[in-house]
Protein backbone atom coordinates (compact mmCIF):
# COMPACT_ATOMS: atom_id res chain seq x y z
CA UNK A 1 0.00 0.00 0.00
CA UNK A 2 2.79 2.43 0.87
CA UNK A 3 4.45 1.67 -2.46
CA UNK A 4 1.34 2.77 -4.38
CA UNK A 5 1.16 6.03 -2.44
CA UNK A 6 4.86 6.68 -3.01
CA UNK A 7 4.49 5.86 -6.70
CA UNK A 8 1.51 8.21 -7.01
CA UNK A 9 3.40 11.04 -5.31
CA UNK A 10 6.41 10.44 -7.55
CA UNK A 11 4.27 10.53 -10.70
CA UNK A 12 2.53 13.71 -9.51
CA UNK A 13 5.86 15.41 -8.80
CA UNK A 14 7.36 14.26 -12.10
CA UNK A 15 4.29 15.53 -13.97
CA UNK A 16 4.53 18.93 -12.29
CA UNK A 17 8.24 19.24 -13.08
CA UNK A 18 7.68 18.16 -16.68
CA UNK A 19 4.87 20.72 -17.10
CA UNK A 20 6.99 23.56 -15.74
CA UNK A 21 9.92 22.63 -17.99
CA UNK A 22 7.55 22.37 -20.98
CA UNK A 23 6.21 25.88 -20.30
CA UNK A 24 9.72 27.30 -19.94
CA UNK A 25 10.87 25.78 -23.24
CA UNK A 26 7.68 26.97 -24.94
CA UNK A 27 8.18 30.51 -23.67
CA UNK A 28 11.76 30.54 -24.95
CA UNK A 29 10.58 29.31 -28.35
CA UNK A 30 7.84 31.97 -28.49
CA UNK A 31 10.32 34.71 -27.56
CA UNK A 32 12.61 33.61 -30.40
CA UNK A 33 9.70 33.64 -32.85
CA UNK A 34 8.69 37.15 -31.75
CA UNK A 35 12.26 38.33 -32.29
CA UNK A 36 12.29 36.81 -35.79
CA UNK A 37 8.84 37.76 -37.05
CA UNK A 38 7.43 40.37 -34.67
CA UNK A 39 4.24 40.11 -32.67
CA UNK A 40 1.91 39.86 -35.66
CA UNK A 41 -0.31 42.61 -34.35
CA UNK A 42 -3.65 42.00 -36.01
CA UNK A 43 -4.43 42.12 -39.70
CA UNK A 44 -2.37 41.60 -42.82
CA UNK A 45 0.02 44.29 -44.00
CA UNK A 46 -0.27 45.84 -47.43
CA UNK A 47 -3.18 46.14 -49.82
CA UNK A 48 -5.91 43.52 -49.83
CA UNK A 49 -5.53 40.77 -52.44
CA UNK A 50 -7.25 41.24 -55.79
CA UNK A 51 -9.79 38.68 -56.87
CA UNK A 52 -10.00 38.45 -60.63
CA UNK A 53 -13.06 36.76 -62.03
CA UNK A 54 -13.30 36.17 -65.74
CA UNK A 55 -16.19 33.96 -66.66
CA UNK A 56 -15.40 34.02 -70.39
CA UNK A 57 -12.42 31.71 -69.88
CA UNK A 58 -14.39 28.94 -68.19
CA UNK A 59 -14.16 25.67 -70.10
CA UNK A 60 -17.24 24.13 -71.63
CA UNK A 61 -18.22 20.97 -69.81
CA UNK A 62 -19.14 18.18 -72.18
CA UNK A 63 -20.33 14.84 -70.92
CA UNK A 64 -19.53 11.67 -72.83
CA UNK A 65 -23.14 11.26 -73.98
CA UNK A 66 -23.29 14.66 -75.69
CA UNK A 67 -22.59 15.12 -79.37
CA UNK A 68 -20.90 18.07 -81.01
CA UNK A 69 -24.25 19.55 -82.05
CA UNK A 70 -25.57 19.48 -78.45
CA UNK A 71 -22.74 21.67 -77.15
CA UNK A 72 -23.71 25.31 -77.25
C-alpha atoms as a PDB file:
ATOM      1  CA  UNK A   1       0.000   0.000   0.000  1.00  0.00           C
ATOM      2  CA  UNK A   2       2.785   2.434   0.871  1.00  0.00           C
ATOM      3  CA  UNK A   3       4.454   1.669  -2.462  1.00  0.00           C
ATOM      4  CA  UNK A   4       1.336   2.772  -4.382  1.00  0.00           C
ATOM      5  CA  UNK A   5       1.158   6.033  -2.441  1.00  0.00           C
ATOM      6  CA  UNK A   6       4.861   6.684  -3.005  1.00  0.00           C
ATOM      7  CA  UNK A   7       4.490   5.861  -6.705  1.00  0.00           C
ATOM      8  CA  UNK A   8       1.512   8.214  -7.008  1.00  0.00           C
ATOM      9  CA  UNK A   9       3.402  11.036  -5.310  1.00  0.00           C
ATOM     10  CA  UNK A  10       6.410  10.435  -7.551  1.00  0.00           C
ATOM     11  CA  UNK A  11       4.265  10.527 -10.695  1.00  0.00           C
ATOM     12  CA  UNK A  12       2.526  13.711  -9.507  1.00  0.00           C
ATOM     13  CA  UNK A  13       5.863  15.406  -8.796  1.00  0.00           C
ATOM     14  CA  UNK A  14       7.359  14.262 -12.104  1.00  0.00           C
ATOM     15  CA  UNK A  15       4.294  15.529 -13.970  1.00  0.00           C
ATOM     16  CA  UNK A  16       4.525  18.928 -12.287  1.00  0.00           C
ATOM     17  CA  UNK A  17       8.236  19.241 -13.078  1.00  0.00           C
ATOM     18  CA  UNK A  18       7.678  18.156 -16.685  1.00  0.00           C
ATOM     19  CA  UNK A  19       4.874  20.715 -17.105  1.00  0.00           C
ATOM     20  CA  UNK A  20       6.992  23.560 -15.737  1.00  0.00           C
ATOM     21  CA  UNK A  21       9.921  22.628 -17.993  1.00  0.00           C
ATOM     22  CA  UNK A  22       7.552  22.366 -20.979  1.00  0.00           C
ATOM     23  CA  UNK A  23       6.210  25.881 -20.297  1.00  0.00           C
ATOM     24  CA  UNK A  24       9.717  27.299 -19.940  1.00  0.00           C
ATOM     25  CA  UNK A  25      10.868  25.780 -23.240  1.00  0.00           C
ATOM     26  CA  UNK A  26       7.680  26.967 -24.936  1.00  0.00           C
ATOM     27  CA  UNK A  27       8.181  30.515 -23.667  1.00  0.00           C
ATOM     28  CA  UNK A  28      11.755  30.543 -24.946  1.00  0.00           C
ATOM     29  CA  UNK A  29      10.579  29.307 -28.351  1.00  0.00           C
ATOM     30  CA  UNK A  30       7.841  31.970 -28.489  1.00  0.00           C
ATOM     31  CA  UNK A  31      10.318  34.709 -27.564  1.00  0.00           C
ATOM     32  CA  UNK A  32      12.614  33.609 -30.401  1.00  0.00           C
ATOM     33  CA  UNK A  33       9.695  33.637 -32.846  1.00  0.00           C
ATOM     34  CA  UNK A  34       8.693  37.147 -31.747  1.00  0.00           C
ATOM     35  CA  UNK A  35      12.262  38.329 -32.290  1.00  0.00           C
ATOM     36  CA  UNK A  36      12.293  36.813 -35.789  1.00  0.00           C
ATOM     37  CA  UNK A  37       8.840  37.764 -37.052  1.00  0.00           C
ATOM     38  CA  UNK A  38       7.434  40.365 -34.671  1.00  0.00           C
ATOM     39  CA  UNK A  39       4.244  40.109 -32.673  1.00  0.00           C
ATOM     40  CA  UNK A  40       1.909  39.858 -35.656  1.00  0.00           C
ATOM     41  CA  UNK A  41      -0.311  42.606 -34.348  1.00  0.00           C
ATOM     42  CA  UNK A  42      -3.653  42.000 -36.014  1.00  0.00           C
ATOM     43  CA  UNK A  43      -4.429  42.119 -39.697  1.00  0.00           C
ATOM     44  CA  UNK A  44      -2.365  41.600 -42.816  1.00  0.00           C
ATOM     45  CA  UNK A  45       0.017  44.292 -44.002  1.00  0.00           C
ATOM     46  CA  UNK A  46      -0.269  45.841 -47.433  1.00  0.00           C
ATOM     47  CA  UNK A  47      -3.181  46.138 -49.824  1.00  0.00           C
ATOM     48  CA  UNK A  48      -5.909  43.520 -49.832  1.00  0.00           C
ATOM     49  CA  UNK A  49      -5.532  40.775 -52.438  1.00  0.00           C
ATOM     50  CA  UNK A  50      -7.254  41.244 -55.793  1.00  0.00           C
ATOM     51  CA  UNK A  51      -9.794  38.680 -56.871  1.00  0.00           C
ATOM     52  CA  UNK A  52      -9.998  38.455 -60.632  1.00  0.00           C
ATOM     53  CA  UNK A  53     -13.059  36.759 -62.032  1.00  0.00           C
ATOM     54  CA  UNK A  54     -13.300  36.173 -65.738  1.00  0.00           C
ATOM     55  CA  UNK A  55     -16.189  33.958 -66.656  1.00  0.00           C
ATOM     56  CA  UNK A  56     -15.396  34.020 -70.392  1.00  0.00           C
ATOM     57  CA  UNK A  57     -12.423  31.711 -69.876  1.00  0.00           C
ATOM     58  CA  UNK A  58     -14.394  28.939 -68.194  1.00  0.00           C
ATOM     59  CA  UNK A  59     -14.163  25.667 -70.098  1.00  0.00           C
ATOM     60  CA  UNK A  60     -17.240  24.131 -71.633  1.00  0.00           C
ATOM     61  CA  UNK A  61     -18.220  20.967 -69.813  1.00  0.00           C
ATOM     62  CA  UNK A  62     -19.145  18.180 -72.184  1.00  0.00           C
ATOM     63  CA  UNK A  63     -20.333  14.835 -70.920  1.00  0.00           C
ATOM     64  CA  UNK A  64     -19.528  11.671 -72.831  1.00  0.00           C
ATOM     65  CA  UNK A  65     -23.144  11.260 -73.978  1.00  0.00           C
ATOM     66  CA  UNK A  66     -23.287  14.662 -75.695  1.00  0.00           C
ATOM     67  CA  UNK A  67     -22.593  15.118 -79.370  1.00  0.00           C
ATOM     68  CA  UNK A  68     -20.899  18.073 -81.012  1.00  0.00           C
ATOM     69  CA  UNK A  69     -24.246  19.550 -82.052  1.00  0.00           C
ATOM     70  CA  UNK A  70     -25.566  19.481 -78.453  1.00  0.00           C
ATOM     71  CA  UNK A  71     -22.743  21.670 -77.147  1.00  0.00           C
ATOM     72  CA  UNK A  72     -23.715  25.306 -77.253  1.00  0.00           C
END
